[in-house]
C-alpha atoms as a PDB file:
ATOM      1  CA  MET A   1    -146.837 -26.049  29.454  1.00  0.00           C
ATOM      2  CA  LYS A   2    -150.499 -26.061  30.157  1.00  0.00           C
ATOM      3  CA  THR A   3    -150.986 -29.500  28.449  1.00  0.00           C
ATOM      4  CA  LYS A   4    -148.299 -31.042  30.672  1.00  0.00           C
ATOM      5  CA  THR A   5    -149.987 -29.744  33.763  1.00  0.00           C
ATOM      6  CA  ILE A   6    -153.313 -31.346  32.644  1.00  0.00           C
ATOM      7  CA  LEU A   7    -151.631 -34.635  31.975  1.00  0.00           C
ATOM      8  CA  ILE A   8    -149.901 -34.744  35.377  1.00  0.00           C
ATOM      9  CA  LEU A   9    -153.141 -33.997  37.076  1.00  0.00           C
ATOM     10  CA  GLN A  10    -155.037 -36.698  35.430  1.00  0.00           C
ATOM     11  CA  LYS A  11    -152.590 -39.412  36.520  1.00  0.00           C
ATOM     12  CA  LYS A  12    -154.529 -42.157  38.583  1.00  0.00           C
ATOM     13  CA  GLU A  13    -151.597 -43.515  40.623  1.00  0.00           C
ATOM     14  CA  TYR A  14    -149.914 -41.317  42.984  1.00  0.00           C
ATOM     15  CA  ASN A  15    -146.946 -41.842  45.364  1.00  0.00           C
ATOM     16  CA  SER A  16    -145.275 -39.580  47.699  1.00  0.00           C
ATOM     17  CA  THR A  17    -143.149 -37.906  44.957  1.00  0.00           C
ATOM     18  CA  THR A  18    -145.592 -37.934  42.055  1.00  0.00           C
ATOM     19  CA  LEU A  19    -148.375 -36.216  44.279  1.00  0.00           C
ATOM     20  CA  ARG A  20    -146.244 -33.454  45.255  1.00  0.00           C
ATOM     21  CA  ILE A  21    -145.565 -31.968  41.868  1.00  0.00           C
ATOM     22  CA  PRO A  22    -149.168 -31.531  40.805  1.00  0.00           C
ATOM     23  CA  LEU A  23    -149.834 -30.063  44.483  1.00  0.00           C
ATOM     24  CA  TRP A  24    -147.151 -27.388  43.928  1.00  0.00           C
ATOM     25  CA  ILE A  25    -148.470 -26.328  40.547  1.00  0.00           C
ATOM     26  CA  ASN A  26    -151.979 -25.805  42.162  1.00  0.00           C
ATOM     27  CA  ALA A  27    -150.543 -23.995  45.074  1.00  0.00           C
ATOM     28  CA  TYR A  28    -148.552 -21.787  42.829  1.00  0.00           C
ATOM     29  CA  GLN A  29    -151.929 -21.004  40.873  1.00  0.00           C
ATOM     30  CA  VAL A  30    -153.341 -19.989  44.106  1.00  0.00           C
ATOM     31  CA  ILE A  31    -150.462 -17.642  44.752  1.00  0.00           C
ATOM     32  CA  GLU A  32    -150.695 -16.155  41.335  1.00  0.00           C
ATOM     33  CA  ASN A  33    -154.312 -15.187  42.089  1.00  0.00           C
ATOM     34  CA  ASN A  34    -153.354 -13.711  45.519  1.00  0.00           C
ATOM     35  CA  PRO A  35    -149.757 -12.647  45.170  1.00  0.00           C
ATOM     36  CA  PHE A  36    -149.296 -10.014  47.915  1.00  0.00           C
ATOM     37  CA  THR A  37    -151.433 -10.802  50.768  1.00  0.00           C
ATOM     38  CA  GLY A  38    -152.456 -14.442  50.216  1.00  0.00           C
ATOM     39  CA  VAL A  39    -155.705 -15.923  50.946  1.00  0.00           C
ATOM     40  CA  GLY A  40    -155.519 -15.717  54.829  1.00  0.00           C
ATOM     41  CA  THR A  41    -155.067 -18.334  57.455  1.00  0.00           C
ATOM     42  CA  GLY A  42    -158.611 -19.512  57.374  1.00  0.00           C
ATOM     43  CA  ASP A  43    -159.246 -19.773  53.547  1.00  0.00           C
ATOM     44  CA  SER A  44    -156.183 -21.829  52.325  1.00  0.00           C
ATOM     45  CA  ARG A  45    -158.026 -25.251  52.389  1.00  0.00           C
ATOM     46  CA  ALA A  46    -161.001 -23.808  50.575  1.00  0.00           C
ATOM     47  CA  GLU A  47    -158.796 -21.831  47.966  1.00  0.00           C
ATOM     48  CA  LEU A  48    -156.525 -24.909  47.375  1.00  0.00           C
ATOM     49  CA  ASP A  49    -159.709 -27.247  46.975  1.00  0.00           C
ATOM     50  CA  SER A  50    -161.381 -24.803  44.453  1.00  0.00           C
ATOM     51  CA  VAL A  51    -158.190 -25.055  42.306  1.00  0.00           C
ATOM     52  CA  PHE A  52    -157.896 -28.716  42.616  1.00  0.00           C
ATOM     53  CA  LEU A  53    -161.631 -28.830  41.472  1.00  0.00           C
ATOM     54  CA  LYS A  54    -160.940 -26.462  38.739  1.00  0.00           C
ATOM     55  CA  ASN A  55    -158.073 -28.477  37.453  1.00  0.00           C
ATOM     56  CA  LYS A  56    -159.882 -31.875  37.837  1.00  0.00           C
ATOM     57  CA  PHE A  57    -157.267 -32.961  40.379  1.00  0.00           C
ATOM     58  CA  GLN A  58    -159.918 -35.197  42.158  1.00  0.00           C
ATOM     59  CA  TYR A  59    -157.466 -37.162  44.453  1.00  0.00           C
ATOM     60  CA  ALA A  60    -156.195 -33.865  46.007  1.00  0.00           C
ATOM     61  CA  TYR A  61    -159.759 -32.542  46.213  1.00  0.00           C
ATOM     62  CA  GLN A  62    -161.171 -35.420  48.062  1.00  0.00           C
ATOM     63  CA  ASN A  63    -158.176 -35.592  50.565  1.00  0.00           C
ATOM     64  CA  HIS A  64    -157.893 -31.789  51.080  1.00  0.00           C
ATOM     65  CA  PHE A  65    -154.189 -31.741  50.737  1.00  0.00           C
ATOM     66  CA  ASP A  66    -151.911 -28.866  51.645  1.00  0.00           C
ATOM     67  CA  PRO A  67    -149.051 -28.101  49.087  1.00  0.00           C
ATOM     68  CA  HIS A  68    -146.439 -30.192  51.072  1.00  0.00           C
ATOM     69  CA  ASN A  69    -144.087 -27.330  50.782  1.00  0.00           C
ATOM     70  CA  GLN A  70    -143.780 -24.624  53.542  1.00  0.00           C
ATOM     71  CA  TYR A  71    -142.572 -21.999  51.244  1.00  0.00           C
ATOM     72  CA  LEU A  72    -145.714 -22.559  49.061  1.00  0.00           C
ATOM     73  CA  GLN A  73    -148.055 -22.902  51.990  1.00  0.00           C
ATOM     74  CA  THR A  74    -146.828 -19.562  53.401  1.00  0.00           C
ATOM     75  CA  GLY A  75    -147.211 -18.028  50.045  1.00  0.00           C
ATOM     76  CA  VAL A  76    -150.693 -19.255  49.686  1.00  0.00           C
ATOM     77  CA  ILE A  77    -151.788 -18.136  53.194  1.00  0.00           C
ATOM     78  CA  LEU A  78    -149.725 -14.945  53.575  1.00  0.00           C
ATOM     79  CA  GLY A  79    -148.610 -14.023  49.969  1.00  0.00           C
ATOM     80  CA  LEU A  80    -145.170 -12.708  48.991  1.00  0.00           C
ATOM     81  CA  ALA A  81    -145.116 -10.590  52.239  1.00  0.00           C
ATOM     82  CA  GLY A  82    -145.240 -13.560  54.386  1.00  0.00           C
ATOM     83  CA  LEU A  83    -142.914 -15.618  52.289  1.00  0.00           C
ATOM     84  CA  THR A  84    -140.368 -12.687  52.573  1.00  0.00           C
ATOM     85  CA  LEU A  85    -140.713 -12.807  56.451  1.00  0.00           C
ATOM     86  CA  LEU A  86    -140.177 -16.585  56.449  1.00  0.00           C
ATOM     87  CA  LEU A  87    -137.036 -16.435  54.390  1.00  0.00           C
ATOM     88  CA  THR A  88    -135.846 -13.494  56.382  1.00  0.00           C
ATOM     89  CA  MET A  89    -136.318 -15.658  59.496  1.00  0.00           C
ATOM     90  CA  PHE A  90    -133.942 -18.219  58.236  1.00  0.00           C
ATOM     91  CA  LEU A  91    -131.390 -16.117  56.170  1.00  0.00           C
ATOM     92  CA  VAL A  92    -130.615 -13.533  58.869  1.00  0.00           C
ATOM     93  CA  PRO A  93    -129.811 -16.124  61.612  1.00  0.00           C
ATOM     94  CA  LEU A  94    -127.904 -18.216  59.027  1.00  0.00           C
ATOM     95  CA  TYR A  95    -125.670 -15.186  58.136  1.00  0.00           C
ATOM     96  CA  TYR A  96    -124.901 -14.592  61.969  1.00  0.00           C
ATOM     97  CA  SER A  97    -124.411 -18.431  62.570  1.00  0.00           C
ATOM     98  CA  ILE A  98    -121.881 -18.488  59.797  1.00  0.00           C
ATOM     99  CA  ARG A  99    -120.257 -15.263  60.945  1.00  0.00           C
ATOM    100  CA  TYR A 100    -119.986 -16.627  64.604  1.00  0.00           C
ATOM    101  CA  ARG A 101    -119.336 -20.114  63.624  1.00  0.00           C
ATOM    102  CA  HIS A 102    -122.219 -21.628  65.267  1.00  0.00           C
ATOM    103  CA  TYR A 103    -122.320 -24.918  63.455  1.00  0.00           C
ATOM    104  CA  GLN A 104    -125.233 -26.520  65.247  1.00  0.00           C
ATOM    105  CA  PHE A 105    -127.480 -23.468  64.277  1.00  0.00           C
ATOM    106  CA  ILE A 106    -126.212 -23.586  60.652  1.00  0.00           C
ATOM    107  CA  CYS A 107    -127.008 -27.325  60.478  1.00  0.00           C
ATOM    108  CA  LEU A 108    -130.558 -26.810  62.063  1.00  0.00           C
ATOM    109  CA  LEU A 109    -131.369 -24.065  59.546  1.00  0.00           C
ATOM    110  CA  ILE A 110    -130.221 -25.762  56.505  1.00  0.00           C
ATOM    111  CA  ILE A 111    -131.965 -29.067  57.492  1.00  0.00           C
ATOM    112  CA  PHE A 112    -135.219 -27.070  58.033  1.00  0.00           C
ATOM    113  CA  MET A 113    -134.852 -25.024  54.998  1.00  0.00           C
ATOM    114  CA  PHE A 114    -134.332 -28.267  52.775  1.00  0.00           C
ATOM    115  CA  ASN A 115    -137.091 -30.127  54.665  1.00  0.00           C
ATOM    116  CA  MET A 116    -139.584 -27.335  54.087  1.00  0.00           C
ATOM    117  CA  LEU A 117    -139.246 -27.973  50.264  1.00  0.00           C
ATOM    118  CA  THR A 118    -141.248 -31.218  50.661  1.00  0.00           C
ATOM    119  CA  GLU A 119    -143.290 -30.696  53.713  1.00  0.00           C
ATOM    120  CA  SER A 120    -145.386 -28.134  55.413  1.00  0.00           C
ATOM    121  CA  ILE A 121    -143.568 -28.297  58.730  1.00  0.00           C
ATOM    122  CA  PHE A 122    -145.242 -25.232  60.461  1.00  0.00           C
ATOM    123  CA  GLU A 123    -148.780 -26.852  59.774  1.00  0.00           C
ATOM    124  CA  ARG A 124    -148.308 -29.264  62.617  1.00  0.00           C
ATOM    125  CA  GLN A 125    -147.664 -28.573  66.304  1.00  0.00           C
ATOM    126  CA  ALA A 126    -144.738 -30.932  66.353  1.00  0.00           C
ATOM    127  CA  GLY A 127    -142.809 -29.107  63.801  1.00  0.00           C
ATOM    128  CA  ILE A 128    -143.660 -25.643  65.426  1.00  0.00           C
ATOM    129  CA  MET A 129    -142.458 -26.844  68.859  1.00  0.00           C
ATOM    130  CA  PHE A 130    -139.299 -28.530  67.645  1.00  0.00           C
ATOM    131  CA  PHE A 131    -138.149 -25.608  65.527  1.00  0.00           C
ATOM    132  CA  SER A 132    -139.154 -23.000  68.234  1.00  0.00           C
ATOM    133  CA  PHE A 133    -137.232 -24.571  70.971  1.00  0.00           C
ATOM    134  CA  PHE A 134    -133.887 -25.044  68.994  1.00  0.00           C
ATOM    135  CA  TYR A 135    -134.268 -21.660  67.167  1.00  0.00           C
ATOM    136  CA  SER A 136    -134.673 -19.877  70.525  1.00  0.00           C
ATOM    137  CA  LEU A 137    -131.966 -21.797  72.137  1.00  0.00           C
ATOM    138  CA  PHE A 138    -129.485 -21.152  69.414  1.00  0.00           C
ATOM    139  CA  SER A 139    -130.486 -17.428  68.844  1.00  0.00           C
ATOM    140  CA  VAL A 140    -129.751 -16.653  72.639  1.00  0.00           C
ATOM    141  CA  GLN A 141    -126.342 -18.350  72.174  1.00  0.00           C
ATOM    142  CA  ILE A 142    -125.580 -16.189  69.006  1.00  0.00           C
ATOM    143  CA  ILE A 143    -126.734 -13.046  70.940  1.00  0.00           C
ATOM    144  CA  GLU A 144    -124.511 -13.862  73.926  1.00  0.00           C
ATOM    145  CA  GLU A 145    -121.501 -14.435  71.606  1.00  0.00           C
ATOM    146  CA  MET A 146    -122.214 -11.013  70.093  1.00  0.00           C
ATOM    147  CA  LYS A 147    -122.161  -9.434  73.560  1.00  0.00           C
ATOM    148  CA  LYS A 148    -118.875 -11.191  74.253  1.00  0.00           C
ATOM    149  CA  GLN A 149    -117.290  -9.747  71.175  1.00  0.00           C
ATOM    150  CA  GLN A 150    -119.040  -6.458  71.809  1.00  0.00           C
ATOM    151  CA  LEU A 151    -119.965  -6.204  68.153  1.00  0.00           C
ATOM    152  CA  PRO A 152    -123.145  -4.647  66.877  1.00  0.00           C
ATOM    153  CA  ALA A 153    -125.899  -7.087  65.644  1.00  0.00           C
ATOM    154  CA  THR A 154    -126.453  -5.094  62.503  1.00  0.00           C
ATOM    155  CA  GLU A 155    -122.747  -5.352  61.064  1.00  0.00           C
END
């Protein structure tokens, strides 16, 4: 496996797809070194750059890339604790959206969960604002539906 990693990282021509795989491999290496708490919000770029340099991934080092995967980005910054919270932030509302048949919220959550596989959405203000607005709007609608049906939120 290590031989394949080195071969991928030495490739000279990158496109949007071929760049992401080595970025993910490098981000995973950072997570392996700091699994529970991550490297912190201020040190992610430096830690990724040091792994890029160690693996001779010059293109990523020169351009200071993030992992282009929100799950890996969260794992790098906050570790498994943060990744668990991120997944909970999506899976709990998904459960209630399915239960109360709120199809717009289901679509929003699924679209974001898939989009987060190939982009670090919460690293840009536009992604945070868009997500926060609709997440809040739909969450309030689910809570109102729970109140109408007088069912506890923990069932």
